[in-house]
Amino acid sequence: EQFVESGGNLVQPGRSLNLSCTGSGDIFKRFDMGWYRQAPGSERDFLAAISWHGVTTFIREAVRGRFTISRDNAKNTVYLQMNDLKSEDTAVYYCNHYPASRDYWGQGTQVTVSS
């Protein structure tokens, strides 16, 4: 399966972005999905996960209250709503299965938060 992330942009602190990730395969709806990010000079970190049916979500404490994960299995798409963005949110954002599958990393989408 391949994942294509989109929605990244250059935004000012305090603004919002909604990232999308679309999977190419029919198996998308069978898997728990996650969002991850990699800041410059850092390792890729887990951010949020959602169960295959979309009922259960988990948000990492560092972004809890600002980030929300959701999915639409009819569109093979998982979303990451990011509010009150901060400069430390600057990173490349990726989606993947949860836990991540090594072979399924996409190109990611760049989010830059700067005034």
PDB file of N, CA and C in Angstrom:
ATOM      1  N   GLU A   1       0.852  -1.191   0.000  1.00  0.00           N
ATOM      2  CA  GLU A   1       0.000   0.000   0.000  1.00  0.00           C
ATOM      3  C   GLU A   1       0.892   1.247   0.000  1.00  0.00           C
ATOM      4  N   GLN A   2       0.425   2.284  -0.685  1.00  0.00           N
ATOM      5  CA  GLN A   2       1.146   3.555  -0.710  1.00  0.00           C
ATOM      6  C   GLN A   2       0.304   4.645  -0.050  1.00  0.00           C
ATOM      7  N   PHE A   3       1.005   5.549   0.617  1.00  0.00           N
ATOM      8  CA  PHE A   3       0.330   6.669   1.267  1.00  0.00           C
ATOM      9  C   PHE A   3       0.817   7.977   0.674  1.00  0.00           C
ATOM     10  N   VAL A   4      -0.109   8.876   0.423  1.00  0.00           N
ATOM     11  CA  VAL A   4       0.228  10.193  -0.105  1.00  0.00           C
ATOM     12  C   VAL A   4      -0.313  11.246   0.853  1.00  0.00           C
ATOM     13  N   GLU A   5       0.622  11.995   1.439  1.00  0.00           N
ATOM     14  CA  GLU A   5       0.250  13.045   2.383  1.00  0.00           C
ATOM     15  C   GLU A   5       0.138  14.385   1.668  1.00  0.00           C
ATOM     16  N   SER A   6      -0.754  15.232   2.151  1.00  0.00           N
ATOM     17  CA  SER A   6      -0.929  16.564   1.571  1.00  0.00           C
ATOM     18  C   SER A   6      -1.467  17.520   2.622  1.00  0.00           C
ATOM     19  N   GLY A   7      -1.431  18.798   2.298  1.00  0.00           N
ATOM     20  CA  GLY A   7      -2.004  19.804   3.181  1.00  0.00           C
ATOM     21  C   GLY A   7      -0.996  20.637   3.940  1.00  0.00           C
ATOM     22  N   GLY A   8       0.283  20.280   3.833  1.00  0.00           N
ATOM     23  CA  GLY A   8       1.302  21.058   4.518  1.00  0.00           C
ATOM     24  C   GLY A   8       1.465  22.434   3.887  1.00  0.00           C
ATOM     25  N   ASN A   9       1.965  23.365   4.703  1.00  0.00           N
ATOM     26  CA  ASN A   9       2.110  24.730   4.203  1.00  0.00           C
ATOM     27  C   ASN A   9       2.975  25.529   5.172  1.00  0.00           C
ATOM     28  N   LEU A  10       3.283  26.741   4.767  1.00  0.00           N
ATOM     29  CA  LEU A  10       3.941  27.708   5.643  1.00  0.00           C
ATOM     30  C   LEU A  10       2.845  28.532   6.305  1.00  0.00           C
ATOM     31  N   VAL A  11       2.798  28.517   7.632  1.00  0.00           N
ATOM     32  CA  VAL A  11       1.770  29.255   8.353  1.00  0.00           C
ATOM     33  C   VAL A  11       2.384  30.005   9.527  1.00  0.00           C
ATOM     34  N   GLN A  12       1.667  30.999   9.991  1.00  0.00           N
ATOM     35  CA  GLN A  12       2.127  31.762  11.143  1.00  0.00           C
ATOM     36  C   GLN A  12       1.751  31.047  12.437  1.00  0.00           C
ATOM     37  N   PRO A  13       2.467  31.297  13.497  1.00  0.00           N
ATOM     38  CA  PRO A  13       2.106  30.710  14.799  1.00  0.00           C
ATOM     39  C   PRO A  13       0.664  31.042  15.166  1.00  0.00           C
ATOM     40  N   GLY A  14      -0.023  30.062  15.742  1.00  0.00           N
ATOM     41  CA  GLY A  14      -1.403  30.236  16.142  1.00  0.00           C
ATOM     42  C   GLY A  14      -2.419  29.820  15.091  1.00  0.00           C
ATOM     43  N   ARG A  15      -1.962  29.613  13.869  1.00  0.00           N
ATOM     44  CA  ARG A  15      -2.860  29.207  12.787  1.00  0.00           C
ATOM     45  C   ARG A  15      -3.138  27.712  12.829  1.00  0.00           C
ATOM     46  N   SER A  16      -4.010  27.269  11.925  1.00  0.00           N
ATOM     47  CA  SER A  16      -4.398  25.858  11.852  1.00  0.00           C
ATOM     48  C   SER A  16      -4.091  25.278  10.473  1.00  0.00           C
ATOM     49  N   LEU A  17      -3.905  23.977  10.439  1.00  0.00           N
ATOM     50  CA  LEU A  17      -3.778  23.230   9.184  1.00  0.00           C
ATOM     51  C   LEU A  17      -4.490  21.899   9.344  1.00  0.00           C
ATOM     52  N   ASN A  18      -5.024  21.397   8.240  1.00  0.00           N
ATOM     53  CA  ASN A  18      -5.632  20.067   8.241  1.00  0.00           C
ATOM     54  C   ASN A  18      -4.905  19.220   7.200  1.00  0.00           C
ATOM     55  N   LEU A  19      -4.146  18.258   7.674  1.00  0.00           N
ATOM     56  CA  LEU A  19      -3.390  17.378   6.784  1.00  0.00           C
ATOM     57  C   LEU A  19      -4.255  16.185   6.374  1.00  0.00           C
ATOM     58  N   SER A  20      -4.001  15.716   5.158  1.00  0.00           N
ATOM     59  CA  SER A  20      -4.700  14.540   4.644  1.00  0.00           C
ATOM     60  C   SER A  20      -3.687  13.491   4.222  1.00  0.00           C
ATOM     61  N   CYS A  21      -4.102  12.255   4.319  1.00  0.00           N
ATOM     62  CA  CYS A  21      -3.269  11.142   3.861  1.00  0.00           C
ATOM     63  C   CYS A  21      -4.188  10.120   3.220  1.00  0.00           C
ATOM     64  N   THR A  22      -3.924   9.816   1.963  1.00  0.00           N
ATOM     65  CA  THR A  22      -4.759   8.875   1.231  1.00  0.00           C
ATOM     66  C   THR A  22      -3.984   7.605   0.930  1.00  0.00           C
ATOM     67  N   GLY A  23      -4.606   6.480   1.210  1.00  0.00           N
ATOM     68  CA  GLY A  23      -4.006   5.196   0.918  1.00  0.00           C
ATOM     69  C   GLY A  23      -4.499   4.667  -0.414  1.00  0.00           C
ATOM     70  N   SER A  24      -3.652   3.885  -1.050  1.00  0.00           N
ATOM     71  CA  SER A  24      -3.978   3.434  -2.405  1.00  0.00           C
ATOM     72  C   SER A  24      -4.662   2.088  -2.449  1.00  0.00           C
ATOM     73  N   GLY A  25      -4.599   1.332  -1.360  1.00  0.00           N
ATOM     74  CA  GLY A  25      -5.089  -0.030  -1.429  1.00  0.00           C
ATOM     75  C   GLY A  25      -6.444  -0.236  -0.783  1.00  0.00           C
ATOM     76  N   ASP A  26      -7.074  -1.342  -1.163  1.00  0.00           N
ATOM     77  CA  ASP A  26      -8.370  -1.703  -0.592  1.00  0.00           C
ATOM     78  C   ASP A  26      -8.248  -2.110   0.864  1.00  0.00           C
ATOM     79  N   ILE A  27      -7.013  -2.361   1.307  1.00  0.00           N
ATOM     80  CA  ILE A  27      -6.825  -2.827   2.677  1.00  0.00           C
ATOM     81  C   ILE A  27      -6.761  -1.686   3.673  1.00  0.00           C
ATOM     82  N   PHE A  28      -6.817  -0.445   3.201  1.00  0.00           N
ATOM     83  CA  PHE A  28      -6.671   0.720   4.080  1.00  0.00           C
ATOM     84  C   PHE A  28      -7.580   0.615   5.302  1.00  0.00           C
ATOM     85  N   LYS A  29      -8.831   0.270   5.060  1.00  0.00           N
ATOM     86  CA  LYS A  29      -9.824   0.304   6.139  1.00  0.00           C
ATOM     87  C   LYS A  29      -9.630  -0.801   7.169  1.00  0.00           C
ATOM     88  N   ARG A  30      -8.723  -1.707   6.914  1.00  0.00           N
ATOM     89  CA  ARG A  30      -8.503  -2.819   7.842  1.00  0.00           C
ATOM     90  C   ARG A  30      -7.472  -2.498   8.912  1.00  0.00           C
ATOM     91  N   PHE A  31      -6.744  -1.388   8.727  1.00  0.00           N
ATOM     92  CA  PHE A  31      -5.608  -1.109   9.593  1.00  0.00           C
ATOM     93  C   PHE A  31      -5.825   0.119  10.480  1.00  0.00           C
ATOM     94  N   ASP A  32      -5.296   0.026  11.687  1.00  0.00           N
ATOM     95  CA  ASP A  32      -5.122   1.219  12.509  1.00  0.00           C
ATOM     96  C   ASP A  32      -4.115   2.112  11.800  1.00  0.00           C
ATOM     97  N   MET A  33      -4.326   3.422  11.880  1.00  0.00           N
ATOM     98  CA  MET A  33      -3.451   4.370  11.191  1.00  0.00           C
ATOM     99  C   MET A  33      -2.837   5.358  12.169  1.00  0.00           C
ATOM    100  N   GLY A  34      -1.680   5.890  11.791  1.00  0.00           N
ATOM    101  CA  GLY A  34      -0.999   6.847  12.641  1.00  0.00           C
ATOM    102  C   GLY A  34      -0.426   8.015  11.859  1.00  0.00           C
ATOM    103  N   TRP A  35      -0.211   9.107  12.552  1.00  0.00           N
ATOM    104  CA  TRP A  35       0.528  10.251  12.024  1.00  0.00           C
ATOM    105  C   TRP A  35       1.846  10.356  12.778  1.00  0.00           C
ATOM    106  N   TYR A  36       2.873  10.738  12.028  1.00  0.00           N
ATOM    107  CA  TYR A  36       4.213  10.847  12.558  1.00  0.00           C
ATOM    108  C   TYR A  36       4.828  12.126  12.003  1.00  0.00           C
ATOM    109  N   ARG A  37       5.880  12.599  12.628  1.00  0.00           N
ATOM    110  CA  ARG A  37       6.570  13.764  12.077  1.00  0.00           C
ATOM    111  C   ARG A  37       8.062  13.673  12.348  1.00  0.00           C
ATOM    112  N   GLN A  38       8.817  14.340  11.475  1.00  0.00           N
ATOM    113  CA  GLN A  38      10.265  14.383  11.620  1.00  0.00           C
ATOM    114  C   GLN A  38      10.731  15.818  11.474  1.00  0.00           C
ATOM    115  N   ALA A  39      11.218  16.366  12.555  1.00  0.00           N
ATOM    116  CA  ALA A  39      11.767  17.722  12.538  1.00  0.00           C
ATOM    117  C   ALA A  39      13.216  17.676  12.058  1.00  0.00           C
ATOM    118  N   PRO A  40      13.728  18.786  11.550  1.00  0.00           N
ATOM    119  CA  PRO A  40      15.115  18.816  11.084  1.00  0.00           C
ATOM    120  C   PRO A  40      16.086  18.363  12.167  1.00  0.00           C
ATOM    121  N   GLY A  41      16.945  17.417  11.815  1.00  0.00           N
ATOM    122  CA  GLY A  41      17.954  16.942  12.741  1.00  0.00           C
ATOM    123  C   GLY A  41      17.444  16.000  13.816  1.00  0.00           C
ATOM    124  N   SER A  42      16.195  15.574  13.695  1.00  0.00           N
ATOM    125  CA  SER A  42      15.609  14.700  14.704  1.00  0.00           C
ATOM    126  C   SER A  42      15.099  13.406  14.087  1.00  0.00           C
ATOM    127  N   GLU A  43      14.813  12.447  14.939  1.00  0.00           N
ATOM    128  CA  GLU A  43      14.224  11.204  14.469  1.00  0.00           C
ATOM    129  C   GLU A  43      12.721  11.404  14.245  1.00  0.00           C
ATOM    130  N   ARG A  44      12.158  10.485  13.506  1.00  0.00           N
ATOM    131  CA  ARG A  44      10.718  10.531  13.265  1.00  0.00           C
ATOM    132  C   ARG A  44       9.978  10.123  14.538  1.00  0.00           C
ATOM    133  N   ASP A  45       8.984  10.912  14.911  1.00  0.00           N
ATOM    134  CA  ASP A  45       8.246  10.684  16.148  1.00  0.00           C
ATOM    135  C   ASP A  45       6.784  10.369  15.867  1.00  0.00           C
ATOM    136  N   PHE A  46       6.221   9.550  16.705  1.00  0.00           N
ATOM    137  CA  PHE A  46       4.799   9.248  16.650  1.00  0.00           C
ATOM    138  C   PHE A  46       3.997  10.417  17.226  1.00  0.00           C
ATOM    139  N   LEU A  47       2.838  10.714  16.605  1.00  0.00           N
ATOM    140  CA  LEU A  47       1.983  11.791  17.076  1.00  0.00           C
ATOM    141  C   LEU A  47       0.593  11.334  17.506  1.00  0.00           C
ATOM    142  N   ALA A  48      -0.035  10.526  16.656  1.00  0.00           N
ATOM    143  CA  ALA A  48      -1.445  10.196  16.906  1.00  0.00           C
ATOM    144  C   ALA A  48      -1.798   8.912  16.186  1.00  0.00           C
ATOM    145  N   ALA A  49      -2.810   8.220  16.714  1.00  0.00           N
ATOM    146  CA  ALA A  49      -3.264   6.987  16.092  1.00  0.00           C
ATOM    147  C   ALA A  49      -4.780   6.908  16.150  1.00  0.00           C
ATOM    148  N   ILE A  50      -5.331   6.150  15.207  1.00  0.00           N
ATOM    149  CA  ILE A  50      -6.781   5.947  15.163  1.00  0.00           C
ATOM    150  C   ILE A  50      -7.043   4.499  14.772  1.00  0.00           C
ATOM    151  N   SER A  51      -8.025   3.905  15.419  1.00  0.00           N
ATOM    152  CA  SER A  51      -8.348   2.508  15.143  1.00  0.00           C
ATOM    153  C   SER A  51      -8.942   2.358  13.749  1.00  0.00           C
ATOM    154  N   TRP A  52      -8.975   1.117  13.262  1.00  0.00           N
ATOM    155  CA  TRP A  52      -9.418   0.881  11.895  1.00  0.00           C
ATOM    156  C   TRP A  52     -10.848   1.365  11.662  1.00  0.00           C
ATOM    157  N   HIS A  53     -11.687   1.298  12.713  1.00  0.00           N
ATOM    158  CA  HIS A  53     -13.085   1.703  12.553  1.00  0.00           C
ATOM    159  C   HIS A  53     -13.294   3.170  12.925  1.00  0.00           C
ATOM    160  N   GLY A  54     -12.228   3.831  13.400  1.00  0.00           N
ATOM    161  CA  GLY A  54     -12.319   5.243  13.702  1.00  0.00           C
ATOM    162  C   GLY A  54     -12.900   5.579  15.056  1.00  0.00           C
ATOM    163  N   VAL A  55     -13.191   4.575  15.855  1.00  0.00           N
ATOM    164  CA  VAL A  55     -13.853   4.828  17.140  1.00  0.00           C
ATOM    165  C   VAL A  55     -12.855   5.257  18.210  1.00  0.00           C
ATOM    166  N   THR A  56     -11.667   4.685  18.176  1.00  0.00           N
ATOM    167  CA  THR A  56     -10.673   4.927  19.228  1.00  0.00           C
ATOM    168  C   THR A  56      -9.524   5.746  18.667  1.00  0.00           C
ATOM    169  N   THR A  57      -9.154   6.791  19.384  1.00  0.00           N
ATOM    170  CA  THR A  57      -8.011   7.608  18.996  1.00  0.00           C
ATOM    171  C   THR A  57      -7.067   7.793  20.172  1.00  0.00           C
ATOM    172  N   PHE A  58      -5.821   8.071  19.837  1.00  0.00           N
ATOM    173  CA  PHE A  58      -4.822   8.388  20.857  1.00  0.00           C
ATOM    174  C   PHE A  58      -3.964   9.517  20.313  1.00  0.00           C
ATOM    175  N   ILE A  59      -3.771  10.523  21.139  1.00  0.00           N
ATOM    176  CA  ILE A  59      -2.947  11.670  20.776  1.00  0.00           C
ATOM    177  C   ILE A  59      -1.792  11.759  21.759  1.00  0.00           C
ATOM    178  N   ARG A  60      -0.596  11.877  21.238  1.00  0.00           N
ATOM    179  CA  ARG A  60       0.569  12.015  22.097  1.00  0.00           C
ATOM    180  C   ARG A  60       0.413  13.250  22.985  1.00  0.00           C
ATOM    181  N   GLU A  61       0.847  13.133  24.216  1.00  0.00           N
ATOM    182  CA  GLU A  61       0.635  14.189  25.197  1.00  0.00           C
ATOM    183  C   GLU A  61       1.189  15.534  24.736  1.00  0.00           C
ATOM    184  N   ALA A  62       2.297  15.537  24.018  1.00  0.00           N
ATOM    185  CA  ALA A  62       2.951  16.783  23.619  1.00  0.00           C
ATOM    186  C   ALA A  62       2.055  17.662  22.738  1.00  0.00           C
ATOM    187  N   VAL A  63       1.101  17.039  22.023  1.00  0.00           N
ATOM    188  CA  VAL A  63       0.237  17.808  21.126  1.00  0.00           C
ATOM    189  C   VAL A  63      -1.236  17.653  21.467  1.00  0.00           C
ATOM    190  N   ARG A  64      -1.510  16.983  22.560  1.00  0.00           N
ATOM    191  CA  ARG A  64      -2.900  16.746  22.955  1.00  0.00           C
ATOM    192  C   ARG A  64      -3.578  18.085  23.257  1.00  0.00           C
ATOM    193  N   GLY A  65      -4.812  18.197  22.792  1.00  0.00           N
ATOM    194  CA  GLY A  65      -5.542  19.443  22.968  1.00  0.00           C
ATOM    195  C   GLY A  65      -5.404  20.373  21.776  1.00  0.00           C
ATOM    196  N   ARG A  66      -4.390  20.143  20.951  1.00  0.00           N
ATOM    197  CA  ARG A  66      -4.201  20.963  19.745  1.00  0.00           C
ATOM    198  C   ARG A  66      -4.397  20.150  18.464  1.00  0.00           C
ATOM    199  N   PHE A  67      -4.054  18.858  18.500  1.00  0.00           N
ATOM    200  CA  PHE A  67      -4.139  17.999  17.317  1.00  0.00           C
ATOM    201  C   PHE A  67      -5.276  16.996  17.481  1.00  0.00           C
ATOM    202  N   THR A  68      -5.946  16.705  16.374  1.00  0.00           N
ATOM    203  CA  THR A  68      -7.025  15.716  16.343  1.00  0.00           C
ATOM    204  C   THR A  68      -6.856  14.829  15.125  1.00  0.00           C
ATOM    205  N   ILE A  69      -7.045  13.525  15.309  1.00  0.00           N
ATOM    206  CA  ILE A  69      -6.950  12.582  14.197  1.00  0.00           C
ATOM    207  C   ILE A  69      -8.336  12.038  13.873  1.00  0.00           C
ATOM    208  N   SER A  70      -8.609  11.856  12.594  1.00  0.00           N
ATOM    209  CA  SER A  70      -9.873  11.277  12.163  1.00  0.00           C
ATOM    210  C   SER A  70      -9.634  10.534  10.853  1.00  0.00           C
ATOM    211  N   ARG A  71     -10.642   9.803  10.407  1.00  0.00           N
ATOM    212  CA  ARG A  71     -10.494   9.070   9.155  1.00  0.00           C
ATOM    213  C   ARG A  71     -11.834   8.919   8.464  1.00  0.00           C
ATOM    214  N   ASP A  72     -11.765   8.715   7.137  1.00  0.00           N
ATOM    215  CA  ASP A  72     -12.942   8.435   6.317  1.00  0.00           C
ATOM    216  C   ASP A  72     -12.595   7.234   5.465  1.00  0.00           C
ATOM    217  N   ASN A  73     -13.030   6.072   5.886  1.00  0.00           N
ATOM    218  CA  ASN A  73     -12.650   4.847   5.180  1.00  0.00           C
ATOM    219  C   ASN A  73     -13.245   4.780   3.770  1.00  0.00           C
ATOM    220  N   ALA A  74     -14.351   5.457   3.552  1.00  0.00           N
ATOM    221  CA  ALA A  74     -14.932   5.479   2.210  1.00  0.00           C
ATOM    222  C   ALA A  74     -14.012   6.196   1.220  1.00  0.00           C
ATOM    223  N   LYS A  75     -13.168   7.087   1.744  1.00  0.00           N
ATOM    224  CA  LYS A  75     -12.225   7.833   0.907  1.00  0.00           C
ATOM    225  C   LYS A  75     -10.796   7.353   1.091  1.00  0.00           C
ATOM    226  N   ASN A  76     -10.601   6.283   1.854  1.00  0.00           N
ATOM    227  CA  ASN A  76      -9.246   5.782   2.130  1.00  0.00           C
ATOM    228  C   ASN A  76      -8.351   6.897   2.668  1.00  0.00           C
ATOM    229  N   THR A  77      -8.884   7.757   3.518  1.00  0.00           N
ATOM    230  CA  THR A  77      -8.153   8.940   3.950  1.00  0.00           C
ATOM    231  C   THR A  77      -8.171   9.084   5.468  1.00  0.00           C
ATOM    232  N   VAL A  78      -7.019   9.480   5.999  1.00  0.00           N
ATOM    233  CA  VAL A  78      -6.895   9.824   7.406  1.00  0.00           C
ATOM    234  C   VAL A  78      -6.457  11.279   7.493  1.00  0.00           C
ATOM    235  N   TYR A  79      -6.954  11.991   8.487  1.00  0.00           N
ATOM    236  CA  TYR A  79      -6.715  13.422   8.625  1.00  0.00           C
ATOM    237  C   TYR A  79      -6.002  13.734   9.938  1.00  0.00           C
ATOM    238  N   LEU A  80      -5.282  14.845   9.938  1.00  0.00           N
ATOM    239  CA  LEU A  80      -4.705  15.382  11.159  1.00  0.00           C
ATOM    240  C   LEU A  80      -5.030  16.868  11.202  1.00  0.00           C
ATOM    241  N   GLN A  81      -5.941  17.232  12.081  1.00  0.00           N
ATOM    242  CA  GLN A  81      -6.286  18.628  12.286  1.00  0.00           C
ATOM    243  C   GLN A  81      -5.346  19.206  13.330  1.00  0.00           C
ATOM    244  N   MET A  82      -4.641  20.260  12.951  1.00  0.00           N
ATOM    245  CA  MET A  82      -3.660  20.867  13.836  1.00  0.00           C
ATOM    246  C   MET A  82      -4.057  22.313  14.098  1.00  0.00           C
ATOM    247  N   ASN A  83      -4.269  22.638  15.344  1.00  0.00           N
ATOM    248  CA  ASN A  83      -4.667  23.982  15.747  1.00  0.00           C
ATOM    249  C   ASN A  83      -3.581  24.621  16.600  1.00  0.00           C
ATOM    250  N   ASP A  84      -3.615  25.946  16.669  1.00  0.00           N
ATOM    251  CA  ASP A  84      -2.676  26.693  17.505  1.00  0.00           C
ATOM    252  C   ASP A  84      -1.235  26.237  17.255  1.00  0.00           C
ATOM    253  N   LEU A  85      -0.864  26.260  15.994  1.00  0.00           N
ATOM    254  CA  LEU A  85       0.457  25.761  15.617  1.00  0.00           C
ATOM    255  C   LEU A  85       1.570  26.610  16.217  1.00  0.00           C
ATOM    256  N   LYS A  86       2.660  25.923  16.561  1.00  0.00           N
ATOM    257  CA  LYS A  86       3.821  26.565  17.180  1.00  0.00           C
ATOM    258  C   LYS A  86       5.046  26.302  16.310  1.00  0.00           C
ATOM    259  N   SER A  87       6.070  27.089  16.526  1.00  0.00           N
ATOM    260  CA  SER A  87       7.283  26.928  15.720  1.00  0.00           C
ATOM    261  C   SER A  87       7.861  25.525  15.864  1.00  0.00           C
ATOM    262  N   GLU A  88       7.715  24.927  17.034  1.00  0.00           N
ATOM    263  CA  GLU A  88       8.253  23.576  17.247  1.00  0.00           C
ATOM    264  C   GLU A  88       7.471  22.495  16.520  1.00  0.00           C
ATOM    265  N   ASP A  89       6.347  22.864  15.898  1.00  0.00           N
ATOM    266  CA  ASP A  89       5.604  21.916  15.067  1.00  0.00           C
ATOM    267  C   ASP A  89       6.178  21.832  13.654  1.00  0.00           C
ATOM    268  N   THR A  90       7.152  22.648  13.349  1.00  0.00           N
ATOM    269  CA  THR A  90       7.780  22.607  12.039  1.00  0.00           C
ATOM    270  C   THR A  90       8.439  21.248  11.823  1.00  0.00           C
ATOM    271  N   ALA A  91       8.030  20.564  10.759  1.00  0.00           N
ATOM    272  CA  ALA A  91       8.515  19.203  10.502  1.00  0.00           C
ATOM    273  C   ALA A  91       7.905  18.700   9.198  1.00  0.00           C
ATOM    274  N   VAL A  92       8.393  17.551   8.759  1.00  0.00           N
ATOM    275  CA  VAL A  92       7.726  16.811   7.693  1.00  0.00           C
ATOM    276  C   VAL A  92       6.786  15.807   8.365  1.00  0.00           C
ATOM    277  N   TYR A  93       5.540  15.801   7.929  1.00  0.00           N
ATOM    278  CA  TYR A  93       4.506  14.965   8.534  1.00  0.00           C
ATOM    279  C   TYR A  93       4.196  13.777   7.631  1.00  0.00           C
ATOM    280  N   TYR A  94       4.107  12.617   8.235  1.00  0.00           N
ATOM    281  CA  TYR A  94       3.863  11.370   7.523  1.00  0.00           C
ATOM    282  C   TYR A  94       2.694  10.618   8.142  1.00  0.00           C
ATOM    283  N   CYS A  95       2.040   9.821   7.314  1.00  0.00           N
ATOM    284  CA  CYS A  95       1.098   8.849   7.860  1.00  0.00           C
ATOM    285  C   CYS A  95       1.627   7.452   7.539  1.00  0.00           C
ATOM    286  N   ASN A  96       1.123   6.491   8.266  1.00  0.00           N
ATOM    287  CA  ASN A  96       1.511   5.101   8.076  1.00  0.00           C
ATOM    288  C   ASN A  96       0.552   4.267   8.912  1.00  0.00           C
ATOM    289  N   HIS A  97       0.679   2.999   8.810  1.00  0.00           N
ATOM    290  CA  HIS A  97      -0.061   2.137   9.718  1.00  0.00           C
ATOM    291  C   HIS A  97       0.398   2.446  11.146  1.00  0.00           C
ATOM    292  N   TYR A  98      -0.393   1.960  12.125  1.00  0.00           N
ATOM    293  CA  TYR A  98       0.031   2.026  13.505  1.00  0.00           C
ATOM    294  C   TYR A  98      -0.069   0.627  14.094  1.00  0.00           C
ATOM    295  N   PRO A  99       1.051   0.074  14.528  1.00  0.00           N
ATOM    296  CA  PRO A  99       2.419   0.585  14.408  1.00  0.00           C
ATOM    297  C   PRO A  99       2.852   0.736  12.946  1.00  0.00           C
ATOM    298  N   ALA A 100       3.851   1.544  12.729  1.00  0.00           N
ATOM    299  CA  ALA A 100       4.289   1.852  11.372  1.00  0.00           C
ATOM    300  C   ALA A 100       4.872   0.628  10.669  1.00  0.00           C
ATOM    301  N   SER A 101       4.591   0.563   9.383  1.00  0.00           N
ATOM    302  CA  SER A 101       5.168  -0.473   8.522  1.00  0.00           C
ATOM    303  C   SER A 101       6.368   0.131   7.800  1.00  0.00           C
ATOM    304  N   ARG A 102       7.508  -0.488   7.967  1.00  0.00           N
ATOM    305  CA  ARG A 102       8.756   0.086   7.461  1.00  0.00           C
ATOM    306  C   ARG A 102       8.709   0.394   5.975  1.00  0.00           C
ATOM    307  N   ASP A 103       8.014  -0.412   5.202  1.00  0.00           N
ATOM    308  CA  ASP A 103       8.034  -0.273   3.743  1.00  0.00           C
ATOM    309  C   ASP A 103       7.007   0.719   3.212  1.00  0.00           C
ATOM    310  N   TYR A 104       6.205   1.310   4.066  1.00  0.00           N
ATOM    311  CA  TYR A 104       5.082   2.114   3.587  1.00  0.00           C
ATOM    312  C   TYR A 104       5.226   3.616   3.839  1.00  0.00           C
ATOM    313  N   TRP A 105       6.432   4.074   4.169  1.00  0.00           N
ATOM    314  CA  TRP A 105       6.606   5.512   4.350  1.00  0.00           C
ATOM    315  C   TRP A 105       6.469   6.217   3.008  1.00  0.00           C
ATOM    316  N   GLY A 106       5.686   7.303   2.984  1.00  0.00           N
ATOM    317  CA  GLY A 106       5.542   8.116   1.791  1.00  0.00           C
ATOM    318  C   GLY A 106       6.511   9.279   1.820  1.00  0.00           C
ATOM    319  N   GLN A 107       6.239  10.277   0.996  1.00  0.00           N
ATOM    320  CA  GLN A 107       7.121  11.428   0.891  1.00  0.00           C
ATOM    321  C   GLN A 107       6.891  12.442   2.004  1.00  0.00           C
ATOM    322  N   GLY A 108       5.735  12.367   2.623  1.00  0.00           N
ATOM    323  CA  GLY A 108       5.419  13.311   3.682  1.00  0.00           C
ATOM    324  C   GLY A 108       4.969  14.655   3.130  1.00  0.00           C
ATOM    325  N   THR A 109       4.541  15.521   4.034  1.00  0.00           N
ATOM    326  CA  THR A 109       4.144  16.875   3.664  1.00  0.00           C
ATOM    327  C   THR A 109       4.778  17.844   4.655  1.00  0.00           C
ATOM    328  N   GLN A 110       5.354  18.914   4.118  1.00  0.00           N
ATOM    329  CA  GLN A 110       6.126  19.841   4.940  1.00  0.00           C
ATOM    330  C   GLN A 110       5.206  20.854   5.610  1.00  0.00           C
ATOM    331  N   VAL A 111       5.371  20.989   6.908  1.00  0.00           N
ATOM    332  CA  VAL A 111       4.691  22.025   7.675  1.00  0.00           C
ATOM    333  C   VAL A 111       5.751  22.936   8.271  1.00  0.00           C
ATOM    334  N   THR A 112       5.639  24.206   7.967  1.00  0.00           N
ATOM    335  CA  THR A 112       6.564  25.192   8.506  1.00  0.00           C
ATOM    336  C   THR A 112       5.757  26.258   9.236  1.00  0.00           C
ATOM    337  N   VAL A 113       6.083  26.455  10.498  1.00  0.00           N
ATOM    338  CA  VAL A 113       5.395  27.450  11.314  1.00  0.00           C
ATOM    339  C   VAL A 113       6.389  28.559  11.636  1.00  0.00           C
ATOM    340  N   SER A 114       6.120  29.712  11.074  1.00  0.00           N
ATOM    341  CA  SER A 114       7.051  30.820  11.228  1.00  0.00           C
ATOM    342  C   SER A 114       6.329  32.137  11.018  1.00  0.00           C
ATOM    343  N   SER A 115       6.768  33.133  11.750  1.00  0.00           N
ATOM    344  CA  SER A 115       6.195  34.466  11.563  1.00  0.00           C
ATOM    345  C   SER A 115       6.991  35.255  10.529  1.00  0.00           C
TER     346      SER A 115
END
